[in-house]
Amino acid sequence: MYRPPSSKTVALDTGLDYHYLEWEGADAEHTVVLVHGFLDFAWGWLGAARAGLSERFHLVAPDMRGHGDSDRVGPGGYYYFFDYIADLVSFIEQVGRGRVSLVGHSMGGSICGYYTGTYPDKVHKLALLEGMGPPEMNGPMPERVDFWIRSARAARQRTPKPSATVADAAARLRRHDALLDESLSLELAEHGTRELEDGSRVFKHDPLHMTRGPIPYKVDVAVEFWQRIQCPTLVVEGAESAQRLSPEEAPRRMGRLPAHEYLLLDGAAHMMQRHRPAELASALVDFLSDSAL
């Protein structure tokens, strides 16, 4: 029987307070950390947790910095990618138990891959859900830095556009995700927005996330981390996703991983944990259980 998660907060040694959800499953000594993607949050894993994942493991899902109910960086700060890895180190040190496995979606997959490559002996198993990085980013760096400065300045001055009600916020989510069902969208909108004085709702993520950072993504940098990974790894892509690796790029990236499995999830696009939560939960339970590989 599904039991709702506990909502908790932990103080990281990076100076931020992280909010996270925790489910106590049958294997209390196997901690599975669910790391969400860009502009998502801990509650985004609700469907998969409810579909059986939470019954099997000690499951924890943090809101990454500037997302959900975790702290924002504050005045003068920015979201440099490797700050997420430092946060994850402190988070796992405090909530991890006997064995720690990581499941990362999209941006969260990159975070988990970098963490595992940095600390290969600390990860029991790794699952990357469309989490092997975006396309290679090229172009002149001076122009990129100038664009970053201008866009960040504008974002700090911009007022987020509110939604009149939770239902309106849910409708906004569905406009950006055609496969998201109404019931789940309402739950995500309820948890993912905060109420203003006039009763309207705004999404909780820091608007500064909507800017493009100054440091471009480079596959060769990621490869330095991937080739150090030692644990079994599962790569999952959505069959309907526009963000799947191309037939040319997939072998290049996945070929840098150690023993790994690949799964193409039917009926799912990029936000697979929303679209096919039961199928994803089943695949993750099979992979993360000790009998896998």
C-alpha atoms as a PDB file:
ATOM      1  CA  MET A   1       0.000   0.000   0.000  1.00  0.00           C
ATOM      2  CA  TYR A   2       1.332   3.430  -0.966  1.00  0.00           C
ATOM      3  CA  ARG A   3       2.231   5.781   1.875  1.00  0.00           C
ATOM      4  CA  PRO A   4       2.712   9.511   1.209  1.00  0.00           C
ATOM      5  CA  PRO A   5       6.233  10.877   1.721  1.00  0.00           C
ATOM      6  CA  SER A   6       7.593  12.826   4.643  1.00  0.00           C
ATOM      7  CA  SER A   7       8.563  16.404   3.777  1.00  0.00           C
ATOM      8  CA  LYS A   8      11.914  17.314   5.337  1.00  0.00           C
ATOM      9  CA  THR A   9      14.682  19.910   5.230  1.00  0.00           C
ATOM     10  CA  VAL A  10      18.424  19.435   5.638  1.00  0.00           C
ATOM     11  CA  ALA A  11      21.131  22.085   6.036  1.00  0.00           C
ATOM     12  CA  LEU A  12      23.948  21.515   3.538  1.00  0.00           C
ATOM     13  CA  ASP A  13      27.555  22.498   4.141  1.00  0.00           C
ATOM     14  CA  THR A  14      27.338  24.567   0.951  1.00  0.00           C
ATOM     15  CA  GLY A  15      25.261  27.042   2.961  1.00  0.00           C
ATOM     16  CA  LEU A  16      21.819  26.199   1.593  1.00  0.00           C
ATOM     17  CA  ASP A  17      18.829  24.455   3.111  1.00  0.00           C
ATOM     18  CA  TYR A  18      17.484  21.667   0.882  1.00  0.00           C
ATOM     19  CA  HIS A  19      13.911  20.462   0.989  1.00  0.00           C
ATOM     20  CA  TYR A  20      13.367  16.802   0.164  1.00  0.00           C
ATOM     21  CA  LEU A  21      10.744  14.065   0.181  1.00  0.00           C
ATOM     22  CA  GLU A  22      11.404  10.736   1.872  1.00  0.00           C
ATOM     23  CA  TRP A  23       9.664   7.382   1.522  1.00  0.00           C
ATOM     24  CA  GLU A  24      10.565   4.400   3.722  1.00  0.00           C
ATOM     25  CA  GLY A  25      10.514   1.235   1.630  1.00  0.00           C
ATOM     26  CA  ALA A  26      11.186  -2.410   2.419  1.00  0.00           C
ATOM     27  CA  ASP A  27      14.953  -2.207   1.850  1.00  0.00           C
ATOM     28  CA  ALA A  28      15.729   0.430   4.479  1.00  0.00           C
ATOM     29  CA  GLU A  29      19.505   0.249   3.871  1.00  0.00           C
ATOM     30  CA  HIS A  30      19.365   0.901   0.125  1.00  0.00           C
ATOM     31  CA  THR A  31      18.950   4.642  -0.407  1.00  0.00           C
ATOM     32  CA  VAL A  32      17.821   5.634  -3.893  1.00  0.00           C
ATOM     33  CA  VAL A  33      18.264   9.339  -4.594  1.00  0.00           C
ATOM     34  CA  LEU A  34      15.960  10.762  -7.263  1.00  0.00           C
ATOM     35  CA  VAL A  35      17.438  13.887  -8.864  1.00  0.00           C
ATOM     36  CA  HIS A  36      15.005  15.914 -10.941  1.00  0.00           C
ATOM     37  CA  GLY A  37      15.656  17.884 -14.104  1.00  0.00           C
ATOM     38  CA  PHE A  38      15.577  21.538 -15.114  1.00  0.00           C
ATOM     39  CA  LEU A  39      12.589  23.480 -13.706  1.00  0.00           C
ATOM     40  CA  ASP A  40      11.206  20.296 -12.144  1.00  0.00           C
ATOM     41  CA  PHE A  41      11.190  19.447  -8.423  1.00  0.00           C
ATOM     42  CA  ALA A  42      10.960  16.590  -5.923  1.00  0.00           C
ATOM     43  CA  TRP A  43       7.211  16.104  -6.355  1.00  0.00           C
ATOM     44  CA  GLY A  44       7.825  15.411 -10.037  1.00  0.00           C
ATOM     45  CA  TRP A  45       8.703  11.848  -8.982  1.00  0.00           C
ATOM     46  CA  LEU A  46       5.306  11.337  -7.345  1.00  0.00           C
ATOM     47  CA  GLY A  47       3.875   9.115 -10.076  1.00  0.00           C
ATOM     48  CA  ALA A  48       6.812   6.704 -10.094  1.00  0.00           C
ATOM     49  CA  ALA A  49       6.974   6.614  -6.304  1.00  0.00           C
ATOM     50  CA  ARG A  50       3.266   5.878  -6.073  1.00  0.00           C
ATOM     51  CA  ALA A  51       3.556   3.188  -8.753  1.00  0.00           C
ATOM     52  CA  GLY A  52       5.724   0.969  -6.563  1.00  0.00           C
ATOM     53  CA  LEU A  53       9.185   2.506  -6.403  1.00  0.00           C
ATOM     54  CA  SER A  54       8.675   3.839  -2.867  1.00  0.00           C
ATOM     55  CA  GLU A  55       7.629   0.427  -1.542  1.00  0.00           C
ATOM     56  CA  ARG A  56      10.958  -1.156  -2.421  1.00  0.00           C
ATOM     57  CA  PHE A  57      13.699   1.271  -1.295  1.00  0.00           C
ATOM     58  CA  HIS A  58      14.585   4.067   1.065  1.00  0.00           C
ATOM     59  CA  LEU A  59      13.639   6.752  -1.438  1.00  0.00           C
ATOM     60  CA  VAL A  60      14.676  10.413  -1.209  1.00  0.00           C
ATOM     61  CA  ALA A  61      13.976  13.173  -3.714  1.00  0.00           C
ATOM     62  CA  PRO A  62      15.551  16.594  -3.122  1.00  0.00           C
ATOM     63  CA  ASP A  63      14.573  19.922  -4.596  1.00  0.00           C
ATOM     64  CA  MET A  64      17.826  21.084  -6.163  1.00  0.00           C
ATOM     65  CA  ARG A  65      18.999  24.608  -5.359  1.00  0.00           C
ATOM     66  CA  GLY A  66      16.636  27.252  -6.677  1.00  0.00           C
ATOM     67  CA  HIS A  67      13.882  24.693  -7.352  1.00  0.00           C
ATOM     68  CA  GLY A  68      10.813  23.816  -5.318  1.00  0.00           C
ATOM     69  CA  ASP A  69      11.165  24.618  -1.626  1.00  0.00           C
ATOM     70  CA  SER A  70      14.969  24.549  -1.443  1.00  0.00           C
ATOM     71  CA  ASP A  71      16.924  27.758  -0.977  1.00  0.00           C
ATOM     72  CA  ARG A  72      17.775  30.035  -3.853  1.00  0.00           C
ATOM     73  CA  VAL A  73      21.317  31.291  -4.227  1.00  0.00           C
ATOM     74  CA  GLY A  74      20.389  34.828  -3.189  1.00  0.00           C
ATOM     75  CA  PRO A  75      21.695  38.241  -4.276  1.00  0.00           C
ATOM     76  CA  GLY A  76      24.906  38.116  -6.268  1.00  0.00           C
ATOM     77  CA  GLY A  77      24.732  34.361  -6.806  1.00  0.00           C
ATOM     78  CA  TYR A  78      24.225  32.205  -9.890  1.00  0.00           C
ATOM     79  CA  TYR A  79      23.501  28.556 -10.648  1.00  0.00           C
ATOM     80  CA  TYR A  80      26.820  27.218 -11.857  1.00  0.00           C
ATOM     81  CA  PHE A  81      26.396  23.579 -12.747  1.00  0.00           C
ATOM     82  CA  PHE A  82      29.017  22.080 -10.484  1.00  0.00           C
ATOM     83  CA  ASP A  83      27.375  23.707  -7.459  1.00  0.00           C
ATOM     84  CA  TYR A  84      24.717  21.006  -7.824  1.00  0.00           C
ATOM     85  CA  ILE A  85      27.360  18.305  -7.393  1.00  0.00           C
ATOM     86  CA  ALA A  86      28.681  19.951  -4.224  1.00  0.00           C
ATOM     87  CA  ASP A  87      25.125  20.096  -2.884  1.00  0.00           C
ATOM     88  CA  LEU A  88      24.564  16.437  -3.722  1.00  0.00           C
ATOM     89  CA  VAL A  89      27.743  15.415  -1.888  1.00  0.00           C
ATOM     90  CA  SER A  90      26.526  17.071   1.316  1.00  0.00           C
ATOM     91  CA  PHE A  91      22.983  15.783   0.862  1.00  0.00           C
ATOM     92  CA  ILE A  92      24.043  12.158   0.420  1.00  0.00           C
ATOM     93  CA  GLU A  93      26.447  12.343   3.350  1.00  0.00           C
ATOM     94  CA  GLN A  94      23.527  13.277   5.573  1.00  0.00           C
ATOM     95  CA  VAL A  95      20.645  11.143   4.279  1.00  0.00           C
ATOM     96  CA  GLY A  96      22.343   8.167   2.576  1.00  0.00           C
ATOM     97  CA  ARG A  97      22.441   4.788   4.282  1.00  0.00           C
ATOM     98  CA  GLY A  98      24.244   1.505   3.624  1.00  0.00           C
ATOM     99  CA  ARG A  99      24.111   1.569  -0.179  1.00  0.00           C
ATOM    100  CA  VAL A 100      23.345   4.582  -2.339  1.00  0.00           C
ATOM    101  CA  SER A 101      22.005   4.444  -5.892  1.00  0.00           C
ATOM    102  CA  LEU A 102      21.235   7.453  -8.066  1.00  0.00           C
ATOM    103  CA  VAL A 103      18.429   8.073 -10.540  1.00  0.00           C
ATOM    104  CA  GLY A 104      18.758  11.299 -12.491  1.00  0.00           C
ATOM    105  CA  HIS A 105      16.429  12.799 -15.071  1.00  0.00           C
ATOM    106  CA  SER A 106      17.705  15.192 -17.755  1.00  0.00           C
ATOM    107  CA  MET A 107      19.756  17.851 -15.928  1.00  0.00           C
ATOM    108  CA  GLY A 108      19.609  15.566 -12.897  1.00  0.00           C
ATOM    109  CA  GLY A 109      21.166  12.807 -14.979  1.00  0.00           C
ATOM    110  CA  SER A 110      24.139  15.010 -15.770  1.00  0.00           C
ATOM    111  CA  ILE A 111      24.469  15.826 -12.068  1.00  0.00           C
ATOM    112  CA  CYS A 112      24.357  12.136 -11.144  1.00  0.00           C
ATOM    113  CA  GLY A 113      26.825  11.180 -13.867  1.00  0.00           C
ATOM    114  CA  TYR A 114      29.316  13.808 -12.718  1.00  0.00           C
ATOM    115  CA  TYR A 115      28.874  12.787  -9.076  1.00  0.00           C
ATOM    116  CA  THR A 116      29.400   9.104  -9.880  1.00  0.00           C
ATOM    117  CA  GLY A 117      32.459   9.820 -11.993  1.00  0.00           C
ATOM    118  CA  THR A 118      33.932  11.898  -9.190  1.00  0.00           C
ATOM    119  CA  TYR A 119      33.131   9.338  -6.473  1.00  0.00           C
ATOM    120  CA  PRO A 120      32.847   5.987  -8.310  1.00  0.00           C
ATOM    121  CA  ASP A 121      33.147   3.920  -5.135  1.00  0.00           C
ATOM    122  CA  LYS A 122      30.158   5.606  -3.487  1.00  0.00           C
ATOM    123  CA  VAL A 123      27.426   4.668  -5.965  1.00  0.00           C
ATOM    124  CA  HIS A 124      25.834   1.212  -6.009  1.00  0.00           C
ATOM    125  CA  LYS A 125      23.844   1.667  -9.228  1.00  0.00           C
ATOM    126  CA  LEU A 126      23.125   4.563 -11.581  1.00  0.00           C
ATOM    127  CA  ALA A 127      20.106   5.240 -13.809  1.00  0.00           C
ATOM    128  CA  LEU A 128      20.193   8.066 -16.360  1.00  0.00           C
ATOM    129  CA  LEU A 129      16.777   9.074 -17.714  1.00  0.00           C
ATOM    130  CA  GLU A 130      17.564  11.084 -20.829  1.00  0.00           C
ATOM    131  CA  GLY A 131      20.411  12.234 -18.630  1.00  0.00           C
ATOM    132  CA  MET A 132      23.507  12.092 -20.803  1.00  0.00           C
ATOM    133  CA  GLY A 133      23.542  15.758 -21.579  1.00  0.00           C
ATOM    134  CA  PRO A 134      22.175  18.189 -24.151  1.00  0.00           C
ATOM    135  CA  PRO A 135      23.631  18.718 -27.627  1.00  0.00           C
ATOM    136  CA  GLU A 136      27.189  19.976 -27.815  1.00  0.00           C
ATOM    137  CA  MET A 137      27.285  23.752 -27.287  1.00  0.00           C
ATOM    138  CA  ASN A 138      29.545  25.716 -29.602  1.00  0.00           C
ATOM    139  CA  GLY A 139      29.975  29.353 -30.532  1.00  0.00           C
ATOM    140  CA  PRO A 140      32.157  32.292 -29.495  1.00  0.00           C
ATOM    141  CA  MET A 141      32.599  32.566 -25.718  1.00  0.00           C
ATOM    142  CA  PRO A 142      32.739  36.403 -25.462  1.00  0.00           C
ATOM    143  CA  GLU A 143      29.293  36.687 -27.049  1.00  0.00           C
ATOM    144  CA  ARG A 144      27.957  33.948 -24.773  1.00  0.00           C
ATOM    145  CA  VAL A 145      29.250  35.699 -21.655  1.00  0.00           C
ATOM    146  CA  ASP A 146      27.768  39.015 -22.775  1.00  0.00           C
ATOM    147  CA  PHE A 147      24.402  37.357 -23.407  1.00  0.00           C
ATOM    148  CA  TRP A 148      24.550  35.698 -19.968  1.00  0.00           C
ATOM    149  CA  ILE A 149      25.217  39.004 -18.199  1.00  0.00           C
ATOM    150  CA  ARG A 150      22.396  40.791 -20.008  1.00  0.00           C
ATOM    151  CA  SER A 151      19.858  37.985 -19.580  1.00  0.00           C
ATOM    152  CA  ALA A 152      20.687  37.469 -15.899  1.00  0.00           C
ATOM    153  CA  ARG A 153      20.299  41.188 -15.263  1.00  0.00           C
ATOM    154  CA  ALA A 154      16.890  41.144 -16.932  1.00  0.00           C
ATOM    155  CA  ALA A 155      15.810  38.016 -15.036  1.00  0.00           C
ATOM    156  CA  ARG A 156      16.624  39.620 -11.669  1.00  0.00           C
ATOM    157  CA  GLN A 157      14.353  42.542 -12.528  1.00  0.00           C
ATOM    158  CA  ARG A 158      11.526  40.497 -14.034  1.00  0.00           C
ATOM    159  CA  THR A 159       8.332  39.682 -12.116  1.00  0.00           C
ATOM    160  CA  PRO A 160       7.134  36.103 -12.732  1.00  0.00           C
ATOM    161  CA  LYS A 161       3.818  35.814 -14.550  1.00  0.00           C
ATOM    162  CA  PRO A 162       1.209  34.498 -12.105  1.00  0.00           C
ATOM    163  CA  SER A 163      -1.589  32.029 -12.711  1.00  0.00           C
ATOM    164  CA  ALA A 164      -4.993  32.915 -11.329  1.00  0.00           C
ATOM    165  CA  THR A 165      -5.596  29.490  -9.761  1.00  0.00           C
ATOM    166  CA  VAL A 166      -3.966  26.098  -9.279  1.00  0.00           C
ATOM    167  CA  ALA A 167      -6.084  24.849 -12.178  1.00  0.00           C
ATOM    168  CA  ASP A 168      -4.673  27.579 -14.406  1.00  0.00           C
ATOM    169  CA  ALA A 169      -1.126  26.681 -13.351  1.00  0.00           C
ATOM    170  CA  ALA A 170      -1.890  23.033 -14.144  1.00  0.00           C
ATOM    171  CA  ALA A 171      -3.180  24.027 -17.563  1.00  0.00           C
ATOM    172  CA  ARG A 172       0.109  25.846 -18.208  1.00  0.00           C
ATOM    173  CA  LEU A 173       1.980  22.650 -17.404  1.00  0.00           C
ATOM    174  CA  ARG A 174      -0.166  20.677 -19.852  1.00  0.00           C
ATOM    175  CA  ARG A 175       0.354  23.257 -22.613  1.00  0.00           C
ATOM    176  CA  HIS A 176       4.077  22.509 -22.394  1.00  0.00           C
ATOM    177  CA  ASP A 177       3.571  18.740 -21.997  1.00  0.00           C
ATOM    178  CA  ALA A 178       0.855  17.185 -24.135  1.00  0.00           C
ATOM    179  CA  LEU A 179       1.236  13.752 -22.485  1.00  0.00           C
ATOM    180  CA  LEU A 180       0.719  15.033 -18.918  1.00  0.00           C
ATOM    181  CA  ASP A 181      -2.687  13.975 -17.603  1.00  0.00           C
ATOM    182  CA  GLU A 182      -4.944  16.450 -15.830  1.00  0.00           C
ATOM    183  CA  SER A 183      -4.991  14.732 -12.436  1.00  0.00           C
ATOM    184  CA  LEU A 184      -1.208  14.644 -12.077  1.00  0.00           C
ATOM    185  CA  SER A 185      -0.869  18.176 -13.458  1.00  0.00           C
ATOM    186  CA  LEU A 186      -3.131  19.465 -10.669  1.00  0.00           C
ATOM    187  CA  GLU A 187      -0.994  17.761  -8.026  1.00  0.00           C
ATOM    188  CA  LEU A 188       2.213  19.130  -9.532  1.00  0.00           C
ATOM    189  CA  ALA A 189       0.745  22.625  -9.768  1.00  0.00           C
ATOM    190  CA  GLU A 190      -0.431  22.504  -6.153  1.00  0.00           C
ATOM    191  CA  HIS A 191       3.003  21.547  -4.847  1.00  0.00           C
ATOM    192  CA  GLY A 192       5.020  23.492  -7.411  1.00  0.00           C
ATOM    193  CA  THR A 193       3.477  26.945  -6.930  1.00  0.00           C
ATOM    194  CA  ARG A 194       3.168  29.362  -4.055  1.00  0.00           C
ATOM    195  CA  GLU A 195       0.248  31.636  -3.319  1.00  0.00           C
ATOM    196  CA  LEU A 196       0.596  35.411  -3.556  1.00  0.00           C
ATOM    197  CA  GLU A 197      -1.310  37.920  -1.435  1.00  0.00           C
ATOM    198  CA  ASP A 198      -4.012  38.298  -4.087  1.00  0.00           C
ATOM    199  CA  GLY A 199      -4.581  34.534  -4.239  1.00  0.00           C
ATOM    200  CA  SER A 200      -2.821  33.983  -7.558  1.00  0.00           C
ATOM    201  CA  ARG A 201      -0.030  31.417  -7.912  1.00  0.00           C
ATOM    202  CA  VAL A 202       3.543  31.578  -9.186  1.00  0.00           C
ATOM    203  CA  PHE A 203       5.882  28.659  -9.807  1.00  0.00           C
ATOM    204  CA  LYS A 204       8.501  28.238  -7.102  1.00  0.00           C
ATOM    205  CA  HIS A 205      11.658  27.971  -9.215  1.00  0.00           C
ATOM    206  CA  ASP A 206      14.039  30.926  -9.299  1.00  0.00           C
ATOM    207  CA  PRO A 207      13.485  32.932 -12.542  1.00  0.00           C
ATOM    208  CA  LEU A 208      17.273  33.147 -12.819  1.00  0.00           C
ATOM    209  CA  HIS A 209      17.164  29.544 -14.062  1.00  0.00           C
ATOM    210  CA  MET A 210      15.608  30.822 -17.275  1.00  0.00           C
ATOM    211  CA  THR A 211      18.918  32.317 -18.357  1.00  0.00           C
ATOM    212  CA  ARG A 212      21.657  30.539 -20.297  1.00  0.00           C
ATOM    213  CA  GLY A 213      24.797  30.138 -18.197  1.00  0.00           C
ATOM    214  CA  PRO A 214      28.245  31.331 -19.311  1.00  0.00           C
ATOM    215  CA  ILE A 215      29.850  27.873 -19.411  1.00  0.00           C
ATOM    216  CA  PRO A 216      28.770  25.732 -22.410  1.00  0.00           C
ATOM    217  CA  TYR A 217      28.143  22.004 -22.256  1.00  0.00           C
ATOM    218  CA  LYS A 218      30.994  19.969 -23.746  1.00  0.00           C
ATOM    219  CA  VAL A 219      30.709  16.226 -24.304  1.00  0.00           C
ATOM    220  CA  ASP A 220      34.447  15.692 -23.907  1.00  0.00           C
ATOM    221  CA  VAL A 221      34.250  17.133 -20.385  1.00  0.00           C
ATOM    222  CA  ALA A 222      31.368  14.804 -19.522  1.00  0.00           C
ATOM    223  CA  VAL A 223      33.328  11.857 -20.923  1.00  0.00           C
ATOM    224  CA  GLU A 224      36.056  12.450 -18.330  1.00  0.00           C
ATOM    225  CA  PHE A 225      33.457  11.649 -15.680  1.00  0.00           C
ATOM    226  CA  TRP A 226      31.575   8.866 -17.504  1.00  0.00           C
ATOM    227  CA  GLN A 227      34.694   6.804 -18.138  1.00  0.00           C
ATOM    228  CA  ARG A 228      35.399   6.693 -14.384  1.00  0.00           C
ATOM    229  CA  ILE A 229      31.994   5.208 -13.539  1.00  0.00           C
ATOM    230  CA  GLN A 230      32.323   1.681 -12.172  1.00  0.00           C
ATOM    231  CA  CYS A 231      28.784   0.713 -11.182  1.00  0.00           C
ATOM    232  CA  PRO A 232      26.064  -0.856 -13.362  1.00  0.00           C
ATOM    233  CA  THR A 233      24.270   1.856 -15.322  1.00  0.00           C
ATOM    234  CA  LEU A 234      20.844   2.019 -16.945  1.00  0.00           C
ATOM    235  CA  VAL A 235      20.149   4.518 -19.736  1.00  0.00           C
ATOM    236  CA  VAL A 236      16.468   5.219 -20.452  1.00  0.00           C
ATOM    237  CA  GLU A 237      15.018   7.282 -23.283  1.00  0.00           C
ATOM    238  CA  GLY A 238      11.414   8.074 -24.159  1.00  0.00           C
ATOM    239  CA  ALA A 239      10.254   6.707 -27.492  1.00  0.00           C
ATOM    240  CA  GLU A 240       8.246   9.895 -28.156  1.00  0.00           C
ATOM    241  CA  SER A 241      10.946  12.300 -26.981  1.00  0.00           C
ATOM    242  CA  ALA A 242      12.385  15.022 -29.179  1.00  0.00           C
ATOM    243  CA  GLN A 243      15.413  15.107 -26.855  1.00  0.00           C
ATOM    244  CA  ARG A 244      16.613  11.554 -27.446  1.00  0.00           C
ATOM    245  CA  LEU A 245      20.214  11.105 -28.468  1.00  0.00           C
ATOM    246  CA  SER A 246      20.619  10.866 -32.236  1.00  0.00           C
ATOM    247  CA  PRO A 247      21.604   7.522 -33.811  1.00  0.00           C
ATOM    248  CA  GLU A 248      25.049   8.994 -34.403  1.00  0.00           C
ATOM    249  CA  GLU A 249      25.522  10.523 -30.952  1.00  0.00           C
ATOM    250  CA  ALA A 250      24.068   7.724 -28.812  1.00  0.00           C
ATOM    251  CA  PRO A 251      26.921   5.236 -29.454  1.00  0.00           C
ATOM    252  CA  ARG A 252      29.527   7.930 -28.822  1.00  0.00           C
ATOM    253  CA  ARG A 253      28.140   8.807 -25.401  1.00  0.00           C
ATOM    254  CA  MET A 254      26.899   5.446 -24.138  1.00  0.00           C
ATOM    255  CA  GLY A 255      30.074   3.791 -25.355  1.00  0.00           C
ATOM    256  CA  ARG A 256      31.934   5.677 -22.631  1.00  0.00           C
ATOM    257  CA  LEU A 257      29.930   3.987 -19.880  1.00  0.00           C
ATOM    258  CA  PRO A 258      30.911   0.701 -18.231  1.00  0.00           C
ATOM    259  CA  ALA A 259      28.529  -2.273 -18.102  1.00  0.00           C
ATOM    260  CA  HIS A 260      25.214  -0.685 -18.996  1.00  0.00           C
ATOM    261  CA  GLU A 261      21.724  -1.454 -20.184  1.00  0.00           C
ATOM    262  CA  TYR A 262      19.536   0.586 -22.522  1.00  0.00           C
ATOM    263  CA  LEU A 263      15.754   0.934 -22.383  1.00  0.00           C
ATOM    264  CA  LEU A 264      13.477   2.741 -24.839  1.00  0.00           C
ATOM    265  CA  LEU A 265      10.265   3.517 -22.951  1.00  0.00           C
ATOM    266  CA  ASP A 266       7.220   3.272 -25.200  1.00  0.00           C
ATOM    267  CA  GLY A 267       4.591   5.992 -24.969  1.00  0.00           C
ATOM    268  CA  ALA A 268       6.862   8.384 -23.097  1.00  0.00           C
ATOM    269  CA  ALA A 269       8.428  11.666 -24.126  1.00  0.00           C
ATOM    270  CA  HIS A 270      11.156  13.532 -22.261  1.00  0.00           C
ATOM    271  CA  MET A 271       9.188  13.785 -18.988  1.00  0.00           C
ATOM    272  CA  MET A 272       8.873  10.012 -18.801  1.00  0.00           C
ATOM    273  CA  GLN A 273       8.278   9.911 -15.045  1.00  0.00           C
ATOM    274  CA  ARG A 274       5.035  11.797 -15.691  1.00  0.00           C
ATOM    275  CA  HIS A 275       3.976   9.952 -18.833  1.00  0.00           C
ATOM    276  CA  ARG A 276       4.627   6.298 -17.963  1.00  0.00           C
ATOM    277  CA  PRO A 277       5.246   6.243 -14.187  1.00  0.00           C
ATOM    278  CA  ALA A 278       4.223   2.604 -13.671  1.00  0.00           C
ATOM    279  CA  GLU A 279       6.397   1.282 -16.494  1.00  0.00           C
ATOM    280  CA  LEU A 280       9.336   3.419 -15.389  1.00  0.00           C
ATOM    281  CA  ALA A 281       8.947   2.354 -11.748  1.00  0.00           C
ATOM    282  CA  SER A 282       8.895  -1.316 -12.774  1.00  0.00           C
ATOM    283  CA  ALA A 283      12.057  -0.924 -14.860  1.00  0.00           C
ATOM    284  CA  LEU A 284      13.853   0.894 -12.050  1.00  0.00           C
ATOM    285  CA  VAL A 285      12.859  -1.692  -9.432  1.00  0.00           C
ATOM    286  CA  ASP A 286      14.162  -4.466 -11.671  1.00  0.00           C
ATOM    287  CA  PHE A 287      17.426  -2.655 -12.300  1.00  0.00           C
ATOM    288  CA  LEU A 288      18.085  -1.340  -8.794  1.00  0.00           C
ATOM    289  CA  SER A 289      17.294  -4.588  -6.987  1.00  0.00           C
ATOM    290  CA  ASP A 290      20.353  -6.560  -5.928  1.00  0.00           C
ATOM    291  CA  SER A 291      19.593  -9.349  -8.393  1.00  0.00           C
ATOM    292  CA  ALA A 292      19.998  -6.981 -11.368  1.00  0.00           C
ATOM    293  CA  LEU A 293      23.249  -7.367 -13.312  1.00  0.00           C
END
